[in-house]
Amino acid sequence: MDFNAGSPEDIYVPGAVTTAVKILVVGHFAVGKTTLIGALSEIAPLSTEESMTQASIRVDDLRGAPDKKTTTVALDFGRLTLGDDLVLYLFGTPGQQRFMQLWEDMARGALGALLLADPTRLADTFPVIDLIEQYGLEYAVAVNSFDRESGYTEDQLREALDLLPHTPVVFCDARDQRSSANALLTLVRHLLDRAS
């Protein structure tokens, strides 16, 4: 499968595709949602990244992401075709509290959510879990560890995040295509298991 293809014939969904699924990619501010969608999308992803300004200093907590210079102000969008008849549409939500009004529209029609979590900022994950559960979405947790070891085992993360036993947890690096694909496939398998 050739990801991030940009030729004109690659922008259209193949005619054999019969099923389209909407998946949310969610998580707190600066956890790697835009990066993961960019790593996975087979088309040039739509990104609403904008430069952060002085006005955001009082509202965006840069602890854990001091080098962050841009932020998503609406949504990210990517597409990934799985097999001959299934396409996933990936919608990335903004992570800041001030953008939470977008959640209702973005959650409508979504089959599930891939929740990115930073092991160094687990407390920031709880409001996102609350939103996922409020909208009744099935989800999997992808612990985005980047270059560092998370320092947590899966069981420790489950306990720290108070996850149900059936909620999948996987470790990933959102910059890495293979690792990101594994996280997404973990969610897809979970959704298939819950549907049967």
N, C-alpha and C. Protein backbone atom coordinates (compact mmCIF):
# COMPACT_ATOMS: atom_id res chain seq x y z
N MET A 1 0.85 -1.17 0.00
CA MET A 1 0.00 0.00 0.00
C MET A 1 0.89 1.22 0.00
N ASP A 2 0.66 2.16 -0.89
CA ASP A 2 1.47 3.37 -0.99
C ASP A 2 0.75 4.51 -0.30
N PHE A 3 1.31 4.94 0.85
CA PHE A 3 0.70 6.01 1.61
C PHE A 3 1.15 7.36 1.07
N ASN A 4 0.37 8.40 1.37
CA ASN A 4 0.69 9.78 1.03
C ASN A 4 0.92 9.97 -0.46
N ALA A 5 0.26 9.17 -1.28
CA ALA A 5 0.37 9.32 -2.72
C ALA A 5 -0.31 10.62 -3.13
N GLY A 6 0.27 11.28 -4.11
CA GLY A 6 -0.28 12.57 -4.47
C GLY A 6 -0.72 12.69 -5.91
N SER A 7 -0.68 11.62 -6.69
CA SER A 7 -1.06 11.73 -8.09
C SER A 7 -2.58 11.88 -8.21
N PRO A 8 -3.05 12.51 -9.28
CA PRO A 8 -4.49 12.77 -9.42
C PRO A 8 -5.35 11.52 -9.33
N GLU A 9 -4.86 10.39 -9.86
CA GLU A 9 -5.71 9.19 -9.80
C GLU A 9 -5.82 8.63 -8.38
N ASP A 10 -4.94 9.06 -7.47
CA ASP A 10 -4.99 8.56 -6.10
C ASP A 10 -5.96 9.33 -5.21
N ILE A 11 -6.51 10.44 -5.70
CA ILE A 11 -7.39 11.22 -4.84
C ILE A 11 -8.80 10.66 -4.78
N TYR A 12 -9.14 9.78 -5.71
CA TYR A 12 -10.49 9.22 -5.74
C TYR A 12 -10.51 7.85 -5.08
N VAL A 13 -11.61 7.56 -4.41
CA VAL A 13 -11.79 6.25 -3.78
C VAL A 13 -12.00 5.22 -4.90
N PRO A 14 -11.32 4.07 -4.81
CA PRO A 14 -11.51 3.03 -5.84
C PRO A 14 -12.98 2.63 -5.96
N GLY A 15 -13.41 2.32 -7.17
CA GLY A 15 -14.80 1.97 -7.44
C GLY A 15 -15.30 0.75 -6.70
N ALA A 16 -14.40 -0.16 -6.31
CA ALA A 16 -14.81 -1.38 -5.62
C ALA A 16 -15.18 -1.13 -4.16
N VAL A 17 -14.83 0.02 -3.62
CA VAL A 17 -15.11 0.30 -2.21
C VAL A 17 -16.61 0.40 -1.99
N THR A 18 -17.11 -0.40 -1.06
CA THR A 18 -18.55 -0.41 -0.77
C THR A 18 -18.87 0.10 0.64
N THR A 19 -17.84 0.20 1.49
CA THR A 19 -18.07 0.60 2.87
C THR A 19 -17.11 1.72 3.25
N ALA A 20 -17.67 2.80 3.79
CA ALA A 20 -16.87 3.92 4.30
C ALA A 20 -17.14 4.05 5.79
N VAL A 21 -16.07 4.21 6.56
CA VAL A 21 -16.18 4.29 8.01
C VAL A 21 -15.52 5.56 8.50
N LYS A 22 -16.22 6.27 9.37
CA LYS A 22 -15.68 7.49 9.97
C LYS A 22 -15.04 7.13 11.31
N ILE A 23 -13.76 7.50 11.45
CA ILE A 23 -13.01 7.24 12.68
C ILE A 23 -12.50 8.58 13.20
N LEU A 24 -12.67 8.83 14.49
CA LEU A 24 -12.10 10.02 15.11
C LEU A 24 -10.71 9.70 15.65
N VAL A 25 -9.79 10.63 15.50
CA VAL A 25 -8.49 10.56 16.15
C VAL A 25 -8.50 11.69 17.17
N VAL A 26 -8.48 11.31 18.45
CA VAL A 26 -8.70 12.27 19.52
C VAL A 26 -7.57 12.22 20.54
N GLY A 27 -7.53 13.22 21.36
CA GLY A 27 -6.54 13.29 22.42
C GLY A 27 -6.38 14.74 22.85
N HIS A 28 -5.64 14.93 23.92
CA HIS A 28 -5.45 16.28 24.43
C HIS A 28 -4.51 17.08 23.53
N PHE A 29 -4.35 18.33 23.84
CA PHE A 29 -3.50 19.26 23.11
C PHE A 29 -2.07 18.72 23.01
N ALA A 30 -1.51 18.77 21.80
CA ALA A 30 -0.10 18.45 21.54
C ALA A 30 0.24 16.98 21.80
N VAL A 31 -0.70 16.07 21.51
CA VAL A 31 -0.43 14.66 21.75
C VAL A 31 -0.01 13.92 20.48
N GLY A 32 -0.21 14.52 19.29
CA GLY A 32 0.24 13.89 18.05
C GLY A 32 -0.85 13.49 17.07
N LYS A 33 -2.05 14.04 17.20
CA LYS A 33 -3.16 13.67 16.33
C LYS A 33 -2.89 14.05 14.87
N THR A 34 -2.46 15.27 14.64
CA THR A 34 -2.15 15.72 13.27
C THR A 34 -1.03 14.88 12.68
N THR A 35 -0.04 14.58 13.49
CA THR A 35 1.11 13.79 13.04
C THR A 35 0.68 12.39 12.64
N LEU A 36 -0.17 11.75 13.44
CA LEU A 36 -0.64 10.40 13.14
C LEU A 36 -1.44 10.37 11.84
N ILE A 37 -2.34 11.31 11.67
CA ILE A 37 -3.14 11.34 10.44
C ILE A 37 -2.24 11.58 9.24
N GLY A 38 -1.26 12.45 9.38
CA GLY A 38 -0.31 12.70 8.30
C GLY A 38 0.50 11.47 7.95
N ALA A 39 0.84 10.66 8.95
CA ALA A 39 1.62 9.44 8.71
C ALA A 39 0.79 8.37 8.00
N LEU A 40 -0.52 8.36 8.22
CA LEU A 40 -1.37 7.29 7.70
C LEU A 40 -2.10 7.61 6.40
N SER A 41 -2.40 8.86 6.16
CA SER A 41 -3.29 9.19 5.05
C SER A 41 -2.67 8.87 3.70
N GLU A 42 -3.47 8.23 2.84
CA GLU A 42 -3.02 7.90 1.48
C GLU A 42 -3.19 9.07 0.53
N ILE A 43 -3.88 10.10 0.99
CA ILE A 43 -4.00 11.34 0.22
C ILE A 43 -3.30 12.44 1.03
N ALA A 44 -3.02 13.55 0.39
CA ALA A 44 -2.47 14.67 1.14
C ALA A 44 -3.50 15.06 2.19
N PRO A 45 -3.15 14.98 3.48
CA PRO A 45 -4.15 15.24 4.51
C PRO A 45 -4.56 16.71 4.56
N LEU A 46 -5.81 16.93 4.90
CA LEU A 46 -6.28 18.28 5.18
C LEU A 46 -5.87 18.60 6.60
N SER A 47 -5.22 19.70 6.78
CA SER A 47 -4.79 20.10 8.11
C SER A 47 -5.13 21.56 8.31
N THR A 48 -5.67 21.88 9.46
CA THR A 48 -5.99 23.27 9.78
C THR A 48 -5.02 23.77 10.84
N GLU A 49 -3.75 23.43 10.68
CA GLU A 49 -2.71 23.89 11.59
C GLU A 49 -2.45 25.38 11.34
N GLU A 50 -2.40 26.11 12.42
CA GLU A 50 -2.07 27.53 12.35
C GLU A 50 -1.00 27.84 13.38
N SER A 51 -0.23 28.88 13.13
CA SER A 51 0.81 29.28 14.06
C SER A 51 0.19 29.73 15.37
N MET A 52 0.83 29.34 16.45
CA MET A 52 0.37 29.79 17.76
C MET A 52 0.84 31.22 17.95
N THR A 53 0.01 32.01 18.60
CA THR A 53 0.32 33.42 18.81
C THR A 53 0.44 33.72 20.29
N GLN A 54 0.80 34.94 20.59
CA GLN A 54 0.89 35.39 21.98
C GLN A 54 -0.46 35.23 22.70
N ALA A 55 -1.55 35.36 21.95
CA ALA A 55 -2.88 35.27 22.56
C ALA A 55 -3.14 33.90 23.18
N SER A 56 -2.45 32.87 22.67
CA SER A 56 -2.70 31.53 23.20
C SER A 56 -1.90 31.22 24.46
N ILE A 57 -0.99 32.08 24.82
CA ILE A 57 -0.12 31.81 25.97
C ILE A 57 -0.93 31.56 27.24
N ARG A 58 -1.98 32.33 27.44
CA ARG A 58 -2.77 32.18 28.66
C ARG A 58 -3.74 31.01 28.61
N VAL A 59 -3.99 30.44 27.42
CA VAL A 59 -5.00 29.39 27.34
C VAL A 59 -4.47 28.02 26.92
N ASP A 60 -3.31 27.96 26.27
CA ASP A 60 -2.75 26.68 25.83
C ASP A 60 -1.57 26.31 26.73
N ASP A 61 -1.70 25.18 27.40
CA ASP A 61 -0.67 24.71 28.33
C ASP A 61 0.41 23.99 27.54
N LEU A 62 1.59 24.57 27.45
CA LEU A 62 2.68 24.00 26.68
C LEU A 62 3.59 23.09 27.51
N ARG A 63 3.21 22.81 28.75
CA ARG A 63 4.00 21.85 29.52
C ARG A 63 3.98 20.52 28.79
N GLY A 64 5.14 19.94 28.62
CA GLY A 64 5.23 18.67 27.90
C GLY A 64 5.39 18.84 26.41
N ALA A 65 5.21 20.07 25.90
CA ALA A 65 5.36 20.34 24.46
C ALA A 65 5.90 21.76 24.27
N PRO A 66 7.03 22.09 24.90
CA PRO A 66 7.52 23.47 24.87
C PRO A 66 7.92 23.96 23.48
N ASP A 67 8.21 23.05 22.54
CA ASP A 67 8.63 23.45 21.20
C ASP A 67 7.47 23.56 20.21
N LYS A 68 6.25 23.35 20.68
CA LYS A 68 5.09 23.39 19.78
C LYS A 68 4.87 24.80 19.27
N LYS A 69 4.80 24.93 17.95
CA LYS A 69 4.65 26.25 17.31
C LYS A 69 3.32 26.41 16.57
N THR A 70 2.62 25.29 16.30
CA THR A 70 1.35 25.34 15.59
C THR A 70 0.30 24.55 16.36
N THR A 71 -0.95 24.80 16.01
CA THR A 71 -2.04 24.06 16.64
C THR A 71 -3.20 23.90 15.65
N THR A 72 -3.94 22.81 15.79
CA THR A 72 -5.12 22.58 14.96
C THR A 72 -6.25 23.48 15.44
N VAL A 73 -6.86 24.21 14.51
CA VAL A 73 -7.92 25.15 14.89
C VAL A 73 -9.31 24.71 14.42
N ALA A 74 -9.40 23.64 13.68
CA ALA A 74 -10.70 23.12 13.26
C ALA A 74 -10.66 21.60 13.27
N LEU A 75 -10.01 20.99 12.29
CA LEU A 75 -9.93 19.54 12.23
C LEU A 75 -8.80 19.13 11.31
N ASP A 76 -8.45 17.87 11.39
CA ASP A 76 -7.55 17.23 10.43
C ASP A 76 -8.38 16.17 9.72
N PHE A 77 -8.01 15.86 8.48
CA PHE A 77 -8.74 14.84 7.73
C PHE A 77 -7.76 14.06 6.88
N GLY A 78 -7.92 12.74 6.91
CA GLY A 78 -7.13 11.87 6.05
C GLY A 78 -7.97 10.67 5.64
N ARG A 79 -7.44 9.91 4.70
CA ARG A 79 -8.16 8.74 4.20
C ARG A 79 -7.20 7.57 4.09
N LEU A 80 -7.73 6.39 4.41
CA LEU A 80 -6.94 5.16 4.31
C LEU A 80 -7.85 4.05 3.80
N THR A 81 -7.49 3.47 2.66
CA THR A 81 -8.26 2.37 2.09
C THR A 81 -7.70 1.06 2.63
N LEU A 82 -8.58 0.25 3.21
CA LEU A 82 -8.21 -1.06 3.74
C LEU A 82 -8.88 -2.12 2.89
N GLY A 83 -8.09 -2.91 2.20
CA GLY A 83 -8.67 -3.94 1.36
C GLY A 83 -9.33 -3.33 0.13
N ASP A 84 -10.10 -4.16 -0.57
CA ASP A 84 -10.73 -3.73 -1.81
C ASP A 84 -12.05 -3.00 -1.60
N ASP A 85 -12.67 -3.18 -0.41
CA ASP A 85 -14.03 -2.66 -0.27
C ASP A 85 -14.25 -1.77 0.95
N LEU A 86 -13.18 -1.39 1.66
CA LEU A 86 -13.35 -0.61 2.88
C LEU A 86 -12.41 0.59 2.88
N VAL A 87 -12.98 1.77 3.16
CA VAL A 87 -12.18 2.98 3.30
C VAL A 87 -12.46 3.60 4.66
N LEU A 88 -11.39 4.04 5.32
CA LEU A 88 -11.51 4.74 6.61
C LEU A 88 -11.29 6.22 6.36
N TYR A 89 -12.21 7.03 6.87
CA TYR A 89 -12.04 8.48 6.86
C TYR A 89 -11.64 8.88 8.27
N LEU A 90 -10.47 9.48 8.40
CA LEU A 90 -9.90 9.84 9.69
C LEU A 90 -10.12 11.32 9.96
N PHE A 91 -10.78 11.62 11.06
CA PHE A 91 -11.05 13.00 11.45
C PHE A 91 -10.33 13.28 12.77
N GLY A 92 -9.39 14.21 12.74
CA GLY A 92 -8.67 14.59 13.95
C GLY A 92 -9.32 15.80 14.60
N THR A 93 -9.58 15.69 15.88
CA THR A 93 -10.22 16.77 16.63
C THR A 93 -9.17 17.67 17.26
N PRO A 94 -9.47 18.96 17.43
CA PRO A 94 -8.56 19.82 18.18
C PRO A 94 -8.55 19.38 19.65
N GLY A 95 -7.43 19.60 20.31
CA GLY A 95 -7.30 19.13 21.69
C GLY A 95 -7.63 20.14 22.77
N GLN A 96 -7.75 21.41 22.42
CA GLN A 96 -8.00 22.42 23.45
C GLN A 96 -9.46 22.50 23.83
N GLN A 97 -9.69 22.84 25.09
CA GLN A 97 -11.05 22.93 25.63
C GLN A 97 -11.91 23.90 24.83
N ARG A 98 -11.33 24.98 24.33
CA ARG A 98 -12.13 26.00 23.64
C ARG A 98 -12.71 25.51 22.31
N PHE A 99 -12.22 24.36 21.82
CA PHE A 99 -12.73 23.81 20.56
C PHE A 99 -13.70 22.63 20.78
N MET A 100 -14.07 22.38 22.00
CA MET A 100 -14.89 21.20 22.28
C MET A 100 -16.26 21.25 21.63
N GLN A 101 -16.74 22.43 21.26
CA GLN A 101 -18.05 22.50 20.59
C GLN A 101 -18.04 21.78 19.25
N LEU A 102 -16.86 21.56 18.68
CA LEU A 102 -16.76 20.83 17.42
C LEU A 102 -17.03 19.33 17.60
N TRP A 103 -16.86 18.85 18.82
CA TRP A 103 -16.97 17.41 19.06
C TRP A 103 -18.32 16.85 18.64
N GLU A 104 -19.40 17.54 18.97
CA GLU A 104 -20.73 17.01 18.67
C GLU A 104 -20.88 16.73 17.18
N ASP A 105 -20.48 17.69 16.35
CA ASP A 105 -20.58 17.48 14.91
C ASP A 105 -19.63 16.41 14.42
N MET A 106 -18.42 16.40 14.94
CA MET A 106 -17.44 15.43 14.47
C MET A 106 -17.79 14.01 14.94
N ALA A 107 -18.37 13.88 16.11
CA ALA A 107 -18.71 12.56 16.64
C ALA A 107 -19.91 11.95 15.92
N ARG A 108 -20.76 12.78 15.34
CA ARG A 108 -21.96 12.29 14.66
C ARG A 108 -21.56 11.37 13.50
N GLY A 109 -22.01 10.14 13.54
CA GLY A 109 -21.74 9.18 12.48
C GLY A 109 -20.42 8.44 12.60
N ALA A 110 -19.63 8.76 13.63
CA ALA A 110 -18.34 8.08 13.81
C ALA A 110 -18.58 6.68 14.38
N LEU A 111 -17.83 5.72 13.87
CA LEU A 111 -17.94 4.35 14.36
C LEU A 111 -17.14 4.16 15.63
N GLY A 112 -16.04 4.89 15.78
CA GLY A 112 -15.20 4.76 16.96
C GLY A 112 -14.13 5.81 16.97
N ALA A 113 -13.28 5.74 18.01
CA ALA A 113 -12.22 6.74 18.18
C ALA A 113 -10.92 6.08 18.57
N LEU A 114 -9.84 6.59 18.00
CA LEU A 114 -8.50 6.23 18.43
C LEU A 114 -8.03 7.35 19.34
N LEU A 115 -7.86 7.04 20.61
CA LEU A 115 -7.48 8.02 21.62
C LEU A 115 -5.98 7.99 21.81
N LEU A 116 -5.31 9.08 21.43
CA LEU A 116 -3.87 9.20 21.67
C LEU A 116 -3.66 9.72 23.08
N ALA A 117 -2.71 9.13 23.78
CA ALA A 117 -2.39 9.55 25.14
C ALA A 117 -0.88 9.70 25.27
N ASP A 118 -0.47 10.76 25.97
CA ASP A 118 0.94 10.99 26.27
C ASP A 118 1.18 10.46 27.68
N PRO A 119 2.09 9.49 27.84
CA PRO A 119 2.29 8.91 29.17
C PRO A 119 2.84 9.89 30.19
N THR A 120 3.38 11.03 29.73
CA THR A 120 3.89 12.03 30.67
C THR A 120 2.80 13.02 31.09
N ARG A 121 1.62 12.94 30.44
CA ARG A 121 0.51 13.86 30.75
C ARG A 121 -0.81 13.10 30.79
N LEU A 122 -0.85 12.01 31.53
CA LEU A 122 -2.05 11.18 31.56
C LEU A 122 -3.27 11.92 32.09
N ALA A 123 -3.09 12.83 33.03
CA ALA A 123 -4.23 13.56 33.60
C ALA A 123 -4.98 14.35 32.52
N ASP A 124 -4.26 14.79 31.48
CA ASP A 124 -4.90 15.55 30.40
C ASP A 124 -5.81 14.67 29.55
N THR A 125 -5.71 13.36 29.70
CA THR A 125 -6.50 12.42 28.90
C THR A 125 -7.93 12.26 29.43
N PHE A 126 -8.15 12.49 30.72
CA PHE A 126 -9.46 12.24 31.31
C PHE A 126 -10.60 13.05 30.69
N PRO A 127 -10.44 14.35 30.43
CA PRO A 127 -11.55 15.07 29.78
C PRO A 127 -11.90 14.50 28.39
N VAL A 128 -10.89 13.99 27.69
CA VAL A 128 -11.15 13.42 26.36
C VAL A 128 -11.90 12.10 26.50
N ILE A 129 -11.51 11.28 27.47
CA ILE A 129 -12.25 10.02 27.72
C ILE A 129 -13.70 10.35 28.06
N ASP A 130 -13.91 11.38 28.88
CA ASP A 130 -15.28 11.77 29.23
C ASP A 130 -16.09 12.11 27.98
N LEU A 131 -15.49 12.84 27.03
CA LEU A 131 -16.21 13.18 25.80
C LEU A 131 -16.50 11.95 24.95
N ILE A 132 -15.53 11.06 24.83
CA ILE A 132 -15.74 9.83 24.06
C ILE A 132 -16.91 9.05 24.63
N GLU A 133 -16.92 8.91 25.94
CA GLU A 133 -17.99 8.16 26.59
C GLU A 133 -19.32 8.90 26.52
N GLN A 134 -19.29 10.22 26.61
CA GLN A 134 -20.51 11.02 26.48
C GLN A 134 -21.18 10.77 25.14
N TYR A 135 -20.38 10.63 24.08
CA TYR A 135 -20.93 10.41 22.75
C TYR A 135 -21.10 8.94 22.41
N GLY A 136 -20.84 8.05 23.37
CA GLY A 136 -21.11 6.63 23.20
C GLY A 136 -20.22 5.94 22.18
N LEU A 137 -18.99 6.41 22.03
CA LEU A 137 -18.09 5.83 21.04
C LEU A 137 -17.23 4.72 21.65
N GLU A 138 -17.08 3.64 20.90
CA GLU A 138 -16.08 2.64 21.26
C GLU A 138 -14.71 3.24 20.93
N TYR A 139 -13.69 2.83 21.70
CA TYR A 139 -12.38 3.41 21.44
C TYR A 139 -11.26 2.46 21.85
N ALA A 140 -10.09 2.77 21.31
CA ALA A 140 -8.84 2.12 21.71
C ALA A 140 -7.88 3.23 22.11
N VAL A 141 -6.98 2.93 23.04
CA VAL A 141 -6.00 3.90 23.50
C VAL A 141 -4.66 3.59 22.85
N ALA A 142 -4.08 4.60 22.21
CA ALA A 142 -2.75 4.48 21.62
C ALA A 142 -1.82 5.40 22.41
N VAL A 143 -0.90 4.80 23.15
CA VAL A 143 0.02 5.58 23.97
C VAL A 143 1.15 6.04 23.06
N ASN A 144 1.19 7.34 22.80
CA ASN A 144 2.16 7.91 21.88
C ASN A 144 3.44 8.22 22.65
N SER A 145 4.42 7.37 22.47
CA SER A 145 5.63 7.48 23.29
C SER A 145 6.77 8.21 22.60
N PHE A 146 6.66 8.51 21.31
CA PHE A 146 7.73 9.14 20.55
C PHE A 146 9.04 8.40 20.81
N ASP A 147 10.10 9.11 21.16
CA ASP A 147 11.41 8.47 21.33
C ASP A 147 11.61 7.88 22.72
N ARG A 148 10.80 8.27 23.64
CA ARG A 148 11.04 7.85 25.02
C ARG A 148 10.21 6.63 25.38
N GLU A 149 10.72 5.86 26.27
CA GLU A 149 9.94 4.75 26.82
C GLU A 149 8.84 5.35 27.69
N SER A 150 7.69 4.72 27.70
CA SER A 150 6.58 5.30 28.46
C SER A 150 6.81 5.18 29.96
N GLY A 151 7.56 4.19 30.37
CA GLY A 151 7.77 4.00 31.80
C GLY A 151 6.62 3.27 32.47
N TYR A 152 5.58 2.97 31.71
CA TYR A 152 4.40 2.29 32.24
C TYR A 152 4.18 0.98 31.50
N THR A 153 3.67 0.02 32.21
CA THR A 153 3.21 -1.20 31.56
C THR A 153 1.77 -0.97 31.12
N GLU A 154 1.28 -1.88 30.29
CA GLU A 154 -0.12 -1.77 29.87
C GLU A 154 -1.05 -1.81 31.08
N ASP A 155 -0.79 -2.70 32.02
CA ASP A 155 -1.65 -2.81 33.20
C ASP A 155 -1.64 -1.52 34.03
N GLN A 156 -0.47 -0.90 34.15
CA GLN A 156 -0.38 0.36 34.90
C GLN A 156 -1.17 1.46 34.20
N LEU A 157 -1.10 1.50 32.87
CA LEU A 157 -1.86 2.50 32.12
C LEU A 157 -3.36 2.26 32.25
N ARG A 158 -3.76 1.01 32.17
CA ARG A 158 -5.19 0.69 32.34
C ARG A 158 -5.70 1.19 33.68
N GLU A 159 -4.91 0.94 34.71
CA GLU A 159 -5.32 1.36 36.05
C GLU A 159 -5.31 2.89 36.16
N ALA A 160 -4.26 3.52 35.65
CA ALA A 160 -4.15 4.98 35.74
C ALA A 160 -5.29 5.68 35.00
N LEU A 161 -5.70 5.12 33.86
CA LEU A 161 -6.77 5.73 33.06
C LEU A 161 -8.14 5.17 33.38
N ASP A 162 -8.20 4.20 34.30
CA ASP A 162 -9.46 3.59 34.73
C ASP A 162 -10.24 3.03 33.53
N LEU A 163 -9.54 2.23 32.71
CA LEU A 163 -10.15 1.68 31.49
C LEU A 163 -10.91 0.40 31.78
N LEU A 164 -11.95 0.17 30.99
CA LEU A 164 -12.66 -1.10 31.07
C LEU A 164 -11.76 -2.21 30.53
N PRO A 165 -11.95 -3.44 30.99
CA PRO A 165 -11.07 -4.53 30.57
C PRO A 165 -11.04 -4.77 29.06
N HIS A 166 -12.13 -4.47 28.35
CA HIS A 166 -12.17 -4.74 26.91
C HIS A 166 -11.56 -3.62 26.07
N THR A 167 -11.22 -2.48 26.68
CA THR A 167 -10.65 -1.36 25.92
C THR A 167 -9.20 -1.67 25.56
N PRO A 168 -8.88 -1.74 24.27
CA PRO A 168 -7.50 -2.04 23.87
C PRO A 168 -6.53 -0.91 24.20
N VAL A 169 -5.31 -1.29 24.54
CA VAL A 169 -4.21 -0.34 24.76
C VAL A 169 -3.04 -0.80 23.90
N VAL A 170 -2.47 0.14 23.14
CA VAL A 170 -1.33 -0.18 22.29
C VAL A 170 -0.34 0.97 22.39
N PHE A 171 0.94 0.68 22.28
CA PHE A 171 1.97 1.70 22.27
C PHE A 171 2.31 2.05 20.82
N CYS A 172 2.55 3.34 20.55
CA CYS A 172 2.86 3.74 19.18
C CYS A 172 3.76 4.96 19.16
N ASP A 173 4.26 5.25 17.98
CA ASP A 173 4.97 6.49 17.69
C ASP A 173 4.21 7.11 16.53
N ALA A 174 3.51 8.21 16.77
CA ALA A 174 2.62 8.80 15.77
C ALA A 174 3.36 9.23 14.51
N ARG A 175 4.68 9.39 14.59
CA ARG A 175 5.45 9.81 13.40
C ARG A 175 5.73 8.64 12.47
N ASP A 176 5.60 7.43 13.00
CA ASP A 176 5.98 6.23 12.26
C ASP A 176 4.74 5.60 11.63
N GLN A 177 4.77 5.43 10.31
CA GLN A 177 3.62 4.90 9.57
C GLN A 177 3.22 3.51 10.06
N ARG A 178 4.17 2.63 10.20
CA ARG A 178 3.87 1.25 10.61
C ARG A 178 3.28 1.21 12.03
N SER A 179 3.89 1.96 12.92
CA SER A 179 3.41 2.01 14.30
C SER A 179 2.01 2.61 14.38
N SER A 180 1.78 3.69 13.63
CA SER A 180 0.46 4.32 13.60
C SER A 180 -0.58 3.39 13.00
N ALA A 181 -0.20 2.67 11.93
CA ALA A 181 -1.12 1.72 11.30
C ALA A 181 -1.49 0.61 12.27
N ASN A 182 -0.53 0.15 13.06
CA ASN A 182 -0.81 -0.89 14.05
C ASN A 182 -1.83 -0.39 15.08
N ALA A 183 -1.68 0.86 15.51
CA ALA A 183 -2.63 1.44 16.47
C ALA A 183 -4.03 1.51 15.86
N LEU A 184 -4.11 1.97 14.62
CA LEU A 184 -5.42 2.08 13.95
C LEU A 184 -6.05 0.71 13.73
N LEU A 185 -5.25 -0.27 13.34
CA LEU A 185 -5.77 -1.62 13.14
C LEU A 185 -6.24 -2.24 14.46
N THR A 186 -5.60 -1.87 15.56
CA THR A 186 -6.06 -2.32 16.88
C THR A 186 -7.47 -1.81 17.13
N LEU A 187 -7.73 -0.55 16.79
CA LEU A 187 -9.08 0.00 16.93
C LEU A 187 -10.05 -0.71 16.01
N VAL A 188 -9.68 -0.91 14.75
CA VAL A 188 -10.58 -1.56 13.79
C VAL A 188 -10.95 -2.96 14.26
N ARG A 189 -9.98 -3.72 14.73
CA ARG A 189 -10.26 -5.07 15.25
C ARG A 189 -11.21 -5.00 16.44
N HIS A 190 -10.99 -4.04 17.31
CA HIS A 190 -11.87 -3.85 18.48
C HIS A 190 -13.30 -3.55 18.04
N LEU A 191 -13.45 -2.66 17.06
CA LEU A 191 -14.78 -2.31 16.57
C LEU A 191 -15.47 -3.54 15.95
N LEU A 192 -14.73 -4.35 15.21
CA LEU A 192 -15.28 -5.56 14.63
C LEU A 192 -15.69 -6.55 15.71
N ASP A 193 -14.85 -6.70 16.75
CA ASP A 193 -15.19 -7.61 17.85
C ASP A 193 -16.45 -7.14 18.58
N ARG A 194 -16.58 -5.84 18.82
CA ARG A 194 -17.73 -5.32 19.55
C ARG A 194 -19.01 -5.42 18.72
N ALA A 195 -18.85 -5.39 17.38
CA ALA A 195 -20.03 -5.47 16.51
C ALA A 195 -20.55 -6.88 16.37
N SER A 196 -19.70 -7.88 16.63
CA SER A 196 -20.14 -9.27 16.43
C SER A 196 -20.73 -9.88 17.68
